[in-house]
Amino acid sequence: MEWVKTHPCWHCERPGRSDPHHLRNPGHTRRFQDVENIVPLCRSCHTIIQTNPEYERSLHDRMKAEAVRLYGVFLLSKKQNLG
């Protein structure tokens, strides 16, 4: 999860330290805890998205696509570091 924190905010693209935002399972309150279900958000965007459930739901598919993309980059970087 530390790796996600090094990325710019997914929502506003602000550089710097990001918070890991765990995606919610659509229609449920349970959050996905897997690394492939986390997107980086700056503190401001994280607060906005978490306090507005309707807005969070409207962004879910785009956030999920980014989480999967970042997870692929993460796996590739680990593989390159091992090889």
PDB file of N, CA and C in Angstrom:
ATOM      1  N   MET A   1       0.822  -1.194   0.000  1.00  0.00           N
ATOM      2  CA  MET A   1       0.000   0.000   0.000  1.00  0.00           C
ATOM      3  C   MET A   1       0.868   1.260   0.000  1.00  0.00           C
ATOM      4  N   GLU A   2       2.063   1.169   0.523  1.00  0.00           N
ATOM      5  CA  GLU A   2       2.969   2.322   0.510  1.00  0.00           C
ATOM      6  C   GLU A   2       3.236   2.779  -0.917  1.00  0.00           C
ATOM      7  N   TRP A   3       3.278   1.833  -1.848  1.00  0.00           N
ATOM      8  CA  TRP A   3       3.546   2.143  -3.238  1.00  0.00           C
ATOM      9  C   TRP A   3       2.481   3.077  -3.809  1.00  0.00           C
ATOM     10  N   VAL A   4       1.228   2.849  -3.459  1.00  0.00           N
ATOM     11  CA  VAL A   4       0.123   3.686  -3.949  1.00  0.00           C
ATOM     12  C   VAL A   4       0.292   5.125  -3.467  1.00  0.00           C
ATOM     13  N   LYS A   5       0.811   5.297  -2.278  1.00  0.00           N
ATOM     14  CA  LYS A   5       0.964   6.631  -1.692  1.00  0.00           C
ATOM     15  C   LYS A   5       1.954   7.505  -2.463  1.00  0.00           C
ATOM     16  N   THR A   6       2.800   6.896  -3.299  1.00  0.00           N
ATOM     17  CA  THR A   6       3.795   7.667  -4.040  1.00  0.00           C
ATOM     18  C   THR A   6       3.233   8.263  -5.333  1.00  0.00           C
ATOM     19  N   HIS A   7       2.020   7.913  -5.684  1.00  0.00           N
ATOM     20  CA  HIS A   7       1.411   8.379  -6.931  1.00  0.00           C
ATOM     21  C   HIS A   7       0.635   9.674  -6.726  1.00  0.00           C
ATOM     22  N   PRO A   8       0.474  10.455  -7.804  1.00  0.00           N
ATOM     23  CA  PRO A   8      -0.350  11.660  -7.697  1.00  0.00           C
ATOM     24  C   PRO A   8      -1.822  11.285  -7.494  1.00  0.00           C
ATOM     25  N   CYS A   9      -2.587  12.233  -7.063  1.00  0.00           N
ATOM     26  CA  CYS A   9      -4.015  12.023  -6.852  1.00  0.00           C
ATOM     27  C   CYS A   9      -4.696  11.624  -8.163  1.00  0.00           C
ATOM     28  N   TRP A  10      -5.466  10.561  -8.122  1.00  0.00           N
ATOM     29  CA  TRP A  10      -6.183  10.107  -9.311  1.00  0.00           C
ATOM     30  C   TRP A  10      -7.219  11.139  -9.739  1.00  0.00           C
ATOM     31  N   HIS A  11      -7.835  11.818  -8.814  1.00  0.00           N
ATOM     32  CA  HIS A  11      -8.956  12.713  -9.111  1.00  0.00           C
ATOM     33  C   HIS A  11      -8.512  14.077  -9.622  1.00  0.00           C
ATOM     34  N   CYS A  12      -7.564  14.709  -8.949  1.00  0.00           N
ATOM     35  CA  CYS A  12      -7.150  16.077  -9.338  1.00  0.00           C
ATOM     36  C   CYS A  12      -5.718  16.134  -9.870  1.00  0.00           C
ATOM     37  N   GLU A  13      -5.012  15.006  -9.826  1.00  0.00           N
ATOM     38  CA  GLU A  13      -3.639  14.873 -10.314  1.00  0.00           C
ATOM     39  C   GLU A  13      -2.620  15.675  -9.507  1.00  0.00           C
ATOM     40  N   ARG A  14      -2.986  16.066  -8.291  1.00  0.00           N
ATOM     41  CA  ARG A  14      -2.043  16.784  -7.425  1.00  0.00           C
ATOM     42  C   ARG A  14      -0.882  15.857  -7.075  1.00  0.00           C
ATOM     43  N   PRO A  15       0.354  16.316  -7.297  1.00  0.00           N
ATOM     44  CA  PRO A  15       1.507  15.473  -6.955  1.00  0.00           C
ATOM     45  C   PRO A  15       1.711  15.430  -5.438  1.00  0.00           C
ATOM     46  N   GLY A  16       2.519  14.505  -5.033  1.00  0.00           N
ATOM     47  CA  GLY A  16       2.844  14.416  -3.614  1.00  0.00           C
ATOM     48  C   GLY A  16       2.251  13.181  -2.976  1.00  0.00           C
ATOM     49  N   ARG A  17       2.332  13.127  -1.696  1.00  0.00           N
ATOM     50  CA  ARG A  17       1.862  11.963  -0.946  1.00  0.00           C
ATOM     51  C   ARG A  17       0.340  11.849  -1.024  1.00  0.00           C
ATOM     52  N   SER A  18      -0.140  10.704  -1.456  1.00  0.00           N
ATOM     53  CA  SER A  18      -1.576  10.442  -1.576  1.00  0.00           C
ATOM     54  C   SER A  18      -2.036   9.465  -0.510  1.00  0.00           C
ATOM     55  N   ASP A  19      -3.310   9.535  -0.193  1.00  0.00           N
ATOM     56  CA  ASP A  19      -3.940   8.550   0.680  1.00  0.00           C
ATOM     57  C   ASP A  19      -4.411   7.383  -0.178  1.00  0.00           C
ATOM     58  N   PRO A  20      -4.304   6.155   0.303  1.00  0.00           N
ATOM     59  CA  PRO A  20      -4.895   5.038  -0.439  1.00  0.00           C
ATOM     60  C   PRO A  20      -6.406   5.010  -0.180  1.00  0.00           C
ATOM     61  N   HIS A  21      -7.188   5.055  -1.234  1.00  0.00           N
ATOM     62  CA  HIS A  21      -8.648   4.992  -1.109  1.00  0.00           C
ATOM     63  C   HIS A  21      -9.107   3.600  -1.496  1.00  0.00           C
ATOM     64  N   HIS A  22      -9.751   2.896  -0.576  1.00  0.00           N
ATOM     65  CA  HIS A  22     -10.259   1.554  -0.834  1.00  0.00           C
ATOM     66  C   HIS A  22     -11.643   1.670  -1.465  1.00  0.00           C
ATOM     67  N   LEU A  23     -11.806   1.031  -2.617  1.00  0.00           N
ATOM     68  CA  LEU A  23     -13.092   1.069  -3.304  1.00  0.00           C
ATOM     69  C   LEU A  23     -14.128   0.271  -2.535  1.00  0.00           C
ATOM     70  N   ARG A  24     -15.345   0.750  -2.605  1.00  0.00           N
ATOM     71  CA  ARG A  24     -16.461   0.030  -1.983  1.00  0.00           C
ATOM     72  C   ARG A  24     -17.028  -0.960  -2.992  1.00  0.00           C
ATOM     73  N   ASN A  25     -17.566  -2.036  -2.474  1.00  0.00           N
ATOM     74  CA  ASN A  25     -18.293  -2.979  -3.290  1.00  0.00           C
ATOM     75  C   ASN A  25     -19.614  -2.298  -3.651  1.00  0.00           C
ATOM     76  N   PRO A  26     -19.898  -2.062  -4.943  1.00  0.00           N
ATOM     77  CA  PRO A  26     -21.121  -1.331  -5.307  1.00  0.00           C
ATOM     78  C   PRO A  26     -22.363  -1.923  -4.650  1.00  0.00           C
ATOM     79  N   GLY A  27     -23.150  -1.060  -4.042  1.00  0.00           N
ATOM     80  CA  GLY A  27     -24.378  -1.491  -3.389  1.00  0.00           C
ATOM     81  C   GLY A  27     -24.174  -2.024  -1.979  1.00  0.00           C
ATOM     82  N   HIS A  28     -22.947  -2.025  -1.492  1.00  0.00           N
ATOM     83  CA  HIS A  28     -22.639  -2.537  -0.162  1.00  0.00           C
ATOM     84  C   HIS A  28     -21.764  -1.530   0.571  1.00  0.00           C
ATOM     85  N   THR A  29     -21.655  -1.683   1.852  1.00  0.00           N
ATOM     86  CA  THR A  29     -20.786  -0.795   2.609  1.00  0.00           C
ATOM     87  C   THR A  29     -19.397  -1.390   2.794  1.00  0.00           C
ATOM     88  N   ARG A  30     -19.261  -2.689   2.530  1.00  0.00           N
ATOM     89  CA  ARG A  30     -17.961  -3.340   2.690  1.00  0.00           C
ATOM     90  C   ARG A  30     -16.988  -2.811   1.645  1.00  0.00           C
ATOM     91  N   ARG A  31     -15.773  -2.551   2.068  1.00  0.00           N
ATOM     92  CA  ARG A  31     -14.739  -2.077   1.153  1.00  0.00           C
ATOM     93  C   ARG A  31     -13.873  -3.245   0.703  1.00  0.00           C
ATOM     94  N   PHE A  32     -13.427  -3.166  -0.539  1.00  0.00           N
ATOM     95  CA  PHE A  32     -12.463  -4.139  -1.033  1.00  0.00           C
ATOM     96  C   PHE A  32     -11.115  -3.838  -0.388  1.00  0.00           C
ATOM     97  N   GLN A  33     -10.474  -4.805   0.205  1.00  0.00           N
ATOM     98  CA  GLN A  33      -9.196  -4.595   0.875  1.00  0.00           C
ATOM     99  C   GLN A  33      -8.006  -4.988   0.005  1.00  0.00           C
ATOM    100  N   ASP A  34      -8.253  -5.610  -1.133  1.00  0.00           N
ATOM    101  CA  ASP A  34      -7.169  -6.059  -1.990  1.00  0.00           C
ATOM    102  C   ASP A  34      -6.434  -4.874  -2.604  1.00  0.00           C
ATOM    103  N   VAL A  35      -5.155  -5.041  -2.854  1.00  0.00           N
ATOM    104  CA  VAL A  35      -4.324  -3.981  -3.420  1.00  0.00           C
ATOM    105  C   VAL A  35      -4.876  -3.507  -4.764  1.00  0.00           C
ATOM    106  N   GLU A  36      -5.468  -4.418  -5.544  1.00  0.00           N
ATOM    107  CA  GLU A  36      -5.982  -4.020  -6.855  1.00  0.00           C
ATOM    108  C   GLU A  36      -7.284  -3.226  -6.767  1.00  0.00           C
ATOM    109  N   ASN A  37      -7.728  -2.918  -5.566  1.00  0.00           N
ATOM    110  CA  ASN A  37      -8.938  -2.118  -5.359  1.00  0.00           C
ATOM    111  C   ASN A  37      -8.633  -0.833  -4.605  1.00  0.00           C
ATOM    112  N   ILE A  38      -7.445  -0.281  -4.820  1.00  0.00           N
ATOM    113  CA  ILE A  38      -7.027   0.942  -4.136  1.00  0.00           C
ATOM    114  C   ILE A  38      -6.595   1.973  -5.172  1.00  0.00           C
ATOM    115  N   VAL A  39      -7.037   3.210  -5.007  1.00  0.00           N
ATOM    116  CA  VAL A  39      -6.574   4.312  -5.862  1.00  0.00           C
ATOM    117  C   VAL A  39      -5.974   5.398  -4.979  1.00  0.00           C
ATOM    118  N   PRO A  40      -4.974   6.123  -5.498  1.00  0.00           N
ATOM    119  CA  PRO A  40      -4.380   7.211  -4.729  1.00  0.00           C
ATOM    120  C   PRO A  40      -5.232   8.476  -4.828  1.00  0.00           C
ATOM    121  N   LEU A  41      -5.505   9.100  -3.690  1.00  0.00           N
ATOM    122  CA  LEU A  41      -6.235  10.368  -3.647  1.00  0.00           C
ATOM    123  C   LEU A  41      -5.526  11.304  -2.677  1.00  0.00           C
ATOM    124  N   CYS A  42      -5.432  12.597  -3.039  1.00  0.00           N
ATOM    125  CA  CYS A  42      -4.899  13.570  -2.085  1.00  0.00           C
ATOM    126  C   CYS A  42      -5.893  13.679  -0.930  1.00  0.00           C
ATOM    127  N   ARG A  43      -5.472  14.258   0.148  1.00  0.00           N
ATOM    128  CA  ARG A  43      -6.332  14.341   1.334  1.00  0.00           C
ATOM    129  C   ARG A  43      -7.647  15.073   1.035  1.00  0.00           C
ATOM    130  N   SER A  44      -7.585  16.155   0.258  1.00  0.00           N
ATOM    131  CA  SER A  44      -8.802  16.923  -0.061  1.00  0.00           C
ATOM    132  C   SER A  44      -9.798  16.093  -0.866  1.00  0.00           C
ATOM    133  N   CYS A  45      -9.324  15.465  -1.931  1.00  0.00           N
ATOM    134  CA  CYS A  45     -10.217  14.646  -2.759  1.00  0.00           C
ATOM    135  C   CYS A  45     -10.724  13.433  -1.991  1.00  0.00           C
ATOM    136  N   HIS A  46      -9.879  12.851  -1.167  1.00  0.00           N
ATOM    137  CA  HIS A  46     -10.288  11.703  -0.366  1.00  0.00           C
ATOM    138  C   HIS A  46     -11.453  12.081   0.541  1.00  0.00           C
ATOM    139  N   THR A  47     -11.357  13.231   1.168  1.00  0.00           N
ATOM    140  CA  THR A  47     -12.425  13.701   2.052  1.00  0.00           C
ATOM    141  C   THR A  47     -13.706  13.959   1.260  1.00  0.00           C
ATOM    142  N   ILE A  48     -13.576  14.634   0.128  1.00  0.00           N
ATOM    143  CA  ILE A  48     -14.751  14.941  -0.704  1.00  0.00           C
ATOM    144  C   ILE A  48     -15.451  13.667  -1.146  1.00  0.00           C
ATOM    145  N   ILE A  49     -14.687  12.707  -1.643  1.00  0.00           N
ATOM    146  CA  ILE A  49     -15.276  11.472  -2.162  1.00  0.00           C
ATOM    147  C   ILE A  49     -15.876  10.634  -1.045  1.00  0.00           C
ATOM    148  N   GLN A  50     -15.199  10.536   0.087  1.00  0.00           N
ATOM    149  CA  GLN A  50     -15.714   9.710   1.176  1.00  0.00           C
ATOM    150  C   GLN A  50     -16.942  10.311   1.851  1.00  0.00           C
ATOM    151  N   THR A  51     -17.094  11.605   1.803  1.00  0.00           N
ATOM    152  CA  THR A  51     -18.246  12.229   2.465  1.00  0.00           C
ATOM    153  C   THR A  51     -19.419  12.428   1.514  1.00  0.00           C
ATOM    154  N   ASN A  52     -19.267  12.010   0.269  1.00  0.00           N
ATOM    155  CA  ASN A  52     -20.344  12.117  -0.721  1.00  0.00           C
ATOM    156  C   ASN A  52     -20.555  10.768  -1.394  1.00  0.00           C
ATOM    157  N   PRO A  53     -21.318   9.864  -0.759  1.00  0.00           N
ATOM    158  CA  PRO A  53     -21.485   8.508  -1.294  1.00  0.00           C
ATOM    159  C   PRO A  53     -22.028   8.467  -2.726  1.00  0.00           C
ATOM    160  N   GLU A  54     -22.933   9.381  -3.074  1.00  0.00           N
ATOM    161  CA  GLU A  54     -23.471   9.404  -4.438  1.00  0.00           C
ATOM    162  C   GLU A  54     -22.359   9.709  -5.445  1.00  0.00           C
ATOM    163  N   TYR A  55     -21.519  10.667  -5.105  1.00  0.00           N
ATOM    164  CA  TYR A  55     -20.403  11.037  -5.970  1.00  0.00           C
ATOM    165  C   TYR A  55     -19.420   9.875  -6.085  1.00  0.00           C
ATOM    166  N   GLU A  56     -19.143   9.234  -4.958  1.00  0.00           N
ATOM    167  CA  GLU A  56     -18.238   8.083  -4.971  1.00  0.00           C
ATOM    168  C   GLU A  56     -18.781   6.987  -5.889  1.00  0.00           C
ATOM    169  N   ARG A  57     -20.073   6.712  -5.794  1.00  0.00           N
ATOM    170  CA  ARG A  57     -20.677   5.686  -6.653  1.00  0.00           C
ATOM    171  C   ARG A  57     -20.569   6.075  -8.129  1.00  0.00           C
ATOM    172  N   SER A  58     -20.723   7.375  -8.428  1.00  0.00           N
ATOM    173  CA  SER A  58     -20.654   7.814  -9.824  1.00  0.00           C
ATOM    174  C   SER A  58     -19.244   7.648 -10.406  1.00  0.00           C
ATOM    175  N   LEU A  59     -18.240   7.645  -9.559  1.00  0.00           N
ATOM    176  CA  LEU A  59     -16.849   7.511 -10.001  1.00  0.00           C
ATOM    177  C   LEU A  59     -16.339   6.073  -9.955  1.00  0.00           C
ATOM    178  N   HIS A  60     -17.135   5.164  -9.406  1.00  0.00           N
ATOM    179  CA  HIS A  60     -16.650   3.819  -9.100  1.00  0.00           C
ATOM    180  C   HIS A  60     -16.009   3.115 -10.291  1.00  0.00           C
ATOM    181  N   ASP A  61     -16.678   3.078 -11.439  1.00  0.00           N
ATOM    182  CA  ASP A  61     -16.140   2.325 -12.574  1.00  0.00           C
ATOM    183  C   ASP A  61     -14.810   2.897 -13.053  1.00  0.00           C
ATOM    184  N   ARG A  62     -14.693   4.215 -13.089  1.00  0.00           N
ATOM    185  CA  ARG A  62     -13.438   4.845 -13.504  1.00  0.00           C
ATOM    186  C   ARG A  62     -12.338   4.610 -12.475  1.00  0.00           C
ATOM    187  N   MET A  63     -12.693   4.665 -11.179  1.00  0.00           N
ATOM    188  CA  MET A  63     -11.695   4.403 -10.136  1.00  0.00           C
ATOM    189  C   MET A  63     -11.241   2.952 -10.194  1.00  0.00           C
ATOM    190  N   LYS A  64     -12.173   2.036 -10.438  1.00  0.00           N
ATOM    191  CA  LYS A  64     -11.828   0.620 -10.504  1.00  0.00           C
ATOM    192  C   LYS A  64     -10.866   0.364 -11.664  1.00  0.00           C
ATOM    193  N   ALA A  65     -11.126   0.984 -12.818  1.00  0.00           N
ATOM    194  CA  ALA A  65     -10.236   0.812 -13.970  1.00  0.00           C
ATOM    195  C   ALA A  65      -8.832   1.325 -13.637  1.00  0.00           C
ATOM    196  N   GLU A  66      -8.738   2.450 -12.942  1.00  0.00           N
ATOM    197  CA  GLU A  66      -7.430   2.987 -12.555  1.00  0.00           C
ATOM    198  C   GLU A  66      -6.752   2.090 -11.532  1.00  0.00           C
ATOM    199  N   ALA A  67      -7.511   1.552 -10.598  1.00  0.00           N
ATOM    200  CA  ALA A  67      -6.931   0.660  -9.589  1.00  0.00           C
ATOM    201  C   ALA A  67      -6.331  -0.575 -10.253  1.00  0.00           C
ATOM    202  N   VAL A  68      -7.035  -1.130 -11.219  1.00  0.00           N
ATOM    203  CA  VAL A  68      -6.533  -2.312 -11.926  1.00  0.00           C
ATOM    204  C   VAL A  68      -5.281  -1.946 -12.732  1.00  0.00           C
ATOM    205  N   ARG A  69      -5.281  -0.775 -13.385  1.00  0.00           N
ATOM    206  CA  ARG A  69      -4.112  -0.321 -14.152  1.00  0.00           C
ATOM    207  C   ARG A  69      -2.901  -0.164 -13.232  1.00  0.00           C
ATOM    208  N   LEU A  70      -3.095   0.515 -12.100  1.00  0.00           N
ATOM    209  CA  LEU A  70      -1.994   0.719 -11.153  1.00  0.00           C
ATOM    210  C   LEU A  70      -1.480  -0.601 -10.589  1.00  0.00           C
ATOM    211  N   TYR A  71      -2.389  -1.537 -10.343  1.00  0.00           N
ATOM    212  CA  TYR A  71      -1.977  -2.837  -9.833  1.00  0.00           C
ATOM    213  C   TYR A  71      -1.089  -3.542 -10.863  1.00  0.00           C
ATOM    214  N   GLY A  72      -1.434  -3.421 -12.144  1.00  0.00           N
ATOM    215  CA  GLY A  72      -0.600  -4.000 -13.199  1.00  0.00           C
ATOM    216  C   GLY A  72       0.777  -3.371 -13.232  1.00  0.00           C
ATOM    217  N   VAL A  73       0.851  -2.050 -13.091  1.00  0.00           N
ATOM    218  CA  VAL A  73       2.135  -1.346 -13.040  1.00  0.00           C
ATOM    219  C   VAL A  73       2.933  -1.812 -11.829  1.00  0.00           C
ATOM    220  N   PHE A  74       2.243  -1.976 -10.705  1.00  0.00           N
ATOM    221  CA  PHE A  74       2.893  -2.450  -9.479  1.00  0.00           C
ATOM    222  C   PHE A  74       3.496  -3.840  -9.684  1.00  0.00           C
ATOM    223  N   LEU A  75       2.726  -4.742 -10.263  1.00  0.00           N
ATOM    224  CA  LEU A  75       3.228  -6.102 -10.492  1.00  0.00           C
ATOM    225  C   LEU A  75       4.407  -6.100 -11.454  1.00  0.00           C
ATOM    226  N   LEU A  76       4.330  -5.282 -12.505  1.00  0.00           N
ATOM    227  CA  LEU A  76       5.422  -5.193 -13.464  1.00  0.00           C
ATOM    228  C   LEU A  76       6.693  -4.658 -12.804  1.00  0.00           C
ATOM    229  N   SER A  77       6.557  -3.651 -11.950  1.00  0.00           N
ATOM    230  CA  SER A  77       7.740  -3.095 -11.289  1.00  0.00           C
ATOM    231  C   SER A  77       8.363  -4.109 -10.327  1.00  0.00           C
ATOM    232  N   LYS A  78       7.524  -4.892  -9.656  1.00  0.00           N
ATOM    233  CA  LYS A  78       8.057  -5.937  -8.763  1.00  0.00           C
ATOM    234  C   LYS A  78       8.805  -6.988  -9.570  1.00  0.00           C
ATOM    235  N   LYS A  79       8.246  -7.377 -10.709  1.00  0.00           N
ATOM    236  CA  LYS A  79       8.870  -8.388 -11.552  1.00  0.00           C
ATOM    237  C   LYS A  79      10.221  -7.887 -12.063  1.00  0.00           C
ATOM    238  N   GLN A  80      10.288  -6.624 -12.491  1.00  0.00           N
ATOM    239  CA  GLN A  80      11.543  -6.063 -12.990  1.00  0.00           C
ATOM    240  C   GLN A  80      12.588  -5.981 -11.883  1.00  0.00           C
ATOM    241  N   ASN A  81      12.160  -5.685 -10.665  1.00  0.00           N
ATOM    242  CA  ASN A  81      13.092  -5.605  -9.529  1.00  0.00           C
ATOM    243  C   ASN A  81      13.623  -6.968  -9.142  1.00  0.00           C
ATOM    244  N   LEU A  82      12.836  -8.023  -9.403  1.00  0.00           N
ATOM    245  CA  LEU A  82      13.277  -9.374  -9.083  1.00  0.00           C
ATOM    246  C   LEU A  82      14.215  -9.930 -10.146  1.00  0.00           C
ATOM    247  N   GLY A  83      14.016  -9.484 -11.393  1.00  0.00           N
ATOM    248  CA  GLY A  83      14.768 -10.039 -12.519  1.00  0.00           C
ATOM    249  C   GLY A  83      16.035  -9.340 -12.732  1.00  0.00           C
TER     250      GLY A  83
END
